[in-house]
Amino acid sequence: MKPVFFVAVGVVIGALVASRVTATTGGRRFLVELDTRTKAFRSAILDGYRSREAELRARPDPDA
């Protein structure tokens, strides 16, 4: 039960901080840049995952 409480507290604190940060122009700009970089990172991870998955699927089955 304790971990759920701490997660809930973290979410509330994060929401409050985000609302304060977005109240300023610099804060909004920072969050937009952070979002852009996060999406680029996610895209790179997915590309690597898909590439590796295709590579593994292309290998012949060693048990055949």
Protein backbone atom coordinates (compact mmCIF):
# COMPACT_ATOMS: atom_id res chain seq x y z
CA MET A 1 0.00 0.00 0.00
CA LYS A 2 2.90 2.34 0.72
CA PRO A 3 4.30 2.26 -2.84
CA VAL A 4 0.91 3.21 -4.28
CA PHE A 5 0.75 6.17 -1.90
CA PHE A 6 4.20 7.38 -2.95
CA VAL A 7 3.35 7.01 -6.64
CA ALA A 8 0.16 9.02 -6.11
CA VAL A 9 2.07 11.73 -4.22
CA GLY A 10 4.66 11.83 -7.01
CA VAL A 11 1.98 12.21 -9.66
CA VAL A 12 0.31 15.05 -7.77
CA ILE A 13 3.60 16.86 -7.19
CA GLY A 14 4.58 16.36 -10.84
CA ALA A 15 1.26 17.78 -12.02
CA LEU A 16 1.63 20.82 -9.76
CA VAL A 17 5.18 21.48 -10.92
CA ALA A 18 4.20 21.06 -14.58
CA SER A 19 1.31 23.52 -14.19
CA ARG A 20 3.64 26.08 -12.60
CA VAL A 21 6.30 25.59 -15.27
CA THR A 22 3.82 25.97 -18.14
CA ALA A 23 2.68 29.28 -16.67
CA THR A 24 5.90 30.89 -17.96
CA THR A 25 7.04 31.31 -21.56
CA GLY A 26 10.44 29.81 -20.83
CA GLY A 27 8.83 26.87 -19.08
CA ARG A 28 6.55 26.16 -22.03
CA ARG A 29 9.51 26.35 -24.39
CA PHE A 30 11.47 23.97 -22.15
CA LEU A 31 8.62 21.44 -22.08
CA VAL A 32 8.17 21.61 -25.86
CA GLU A 33 11.89 20.99 -26.34
CA LEU A 34 11.80 18.16 -23.81
CA ASP A 35 8.83 16.62 -25.63
CA THR A 36 10.63 16.87 -28.98
CA ARG A 37 13.76 15.23 -27.62
CA THR A 38 11.76 12.51 -25.88
CA LYS A 39 9.93 11.69 -29.12
CA ALA A 40 13.23 11.55 -31.02
CA PHE A 41 14.71 9.21 -28.39
CA ARG A 42 11.62 7.00 -28.48
CA SER A 43 11.77 6.88 -32.26
CA ALA A 44 15.44 5.87 -32.19
CA ILE A 45 14.71 3.08 -29.69
CA LEU A 46 11.80 1.78 -31.79
CA ASP A 47 13.88 1.88 -34.98
CA GLY A 48 16.64 -0.12 -33.30
CA TYR A 49 14.15 -2.60 -31.90
CA ARG A 50 12.45 -3.12 -35.26
CA SER A 51 15.78 -3.45 -37.03
CA ARG A 52 17.00 -6.08 -34.58
CA GLU A 53 13.68 -7.92 -34.73
CA ALA A 54 13.85 -8.05 -38.54
CA GLU A 55 17.45 -9.27 -38.32
CA LEU A 56 16.50 -12.07 -35.93
CA ARG A 57 13.50 -13.12 -38.03
CA ALA A 58 15.68 -13.31 -41.13
CA ARG A 59 18.01 -15.85 -39.52
CA PRO A 60 17.48 -19.48 -40.42
CA ASP A 61 15.93 -21.65 -37.69
CA PRO A 62 18.80 -23.62 -36.01
CA ASP A 63 16.38 -26.37 -34.91
CA ALA A 64 15.11 -27.11 -38.41
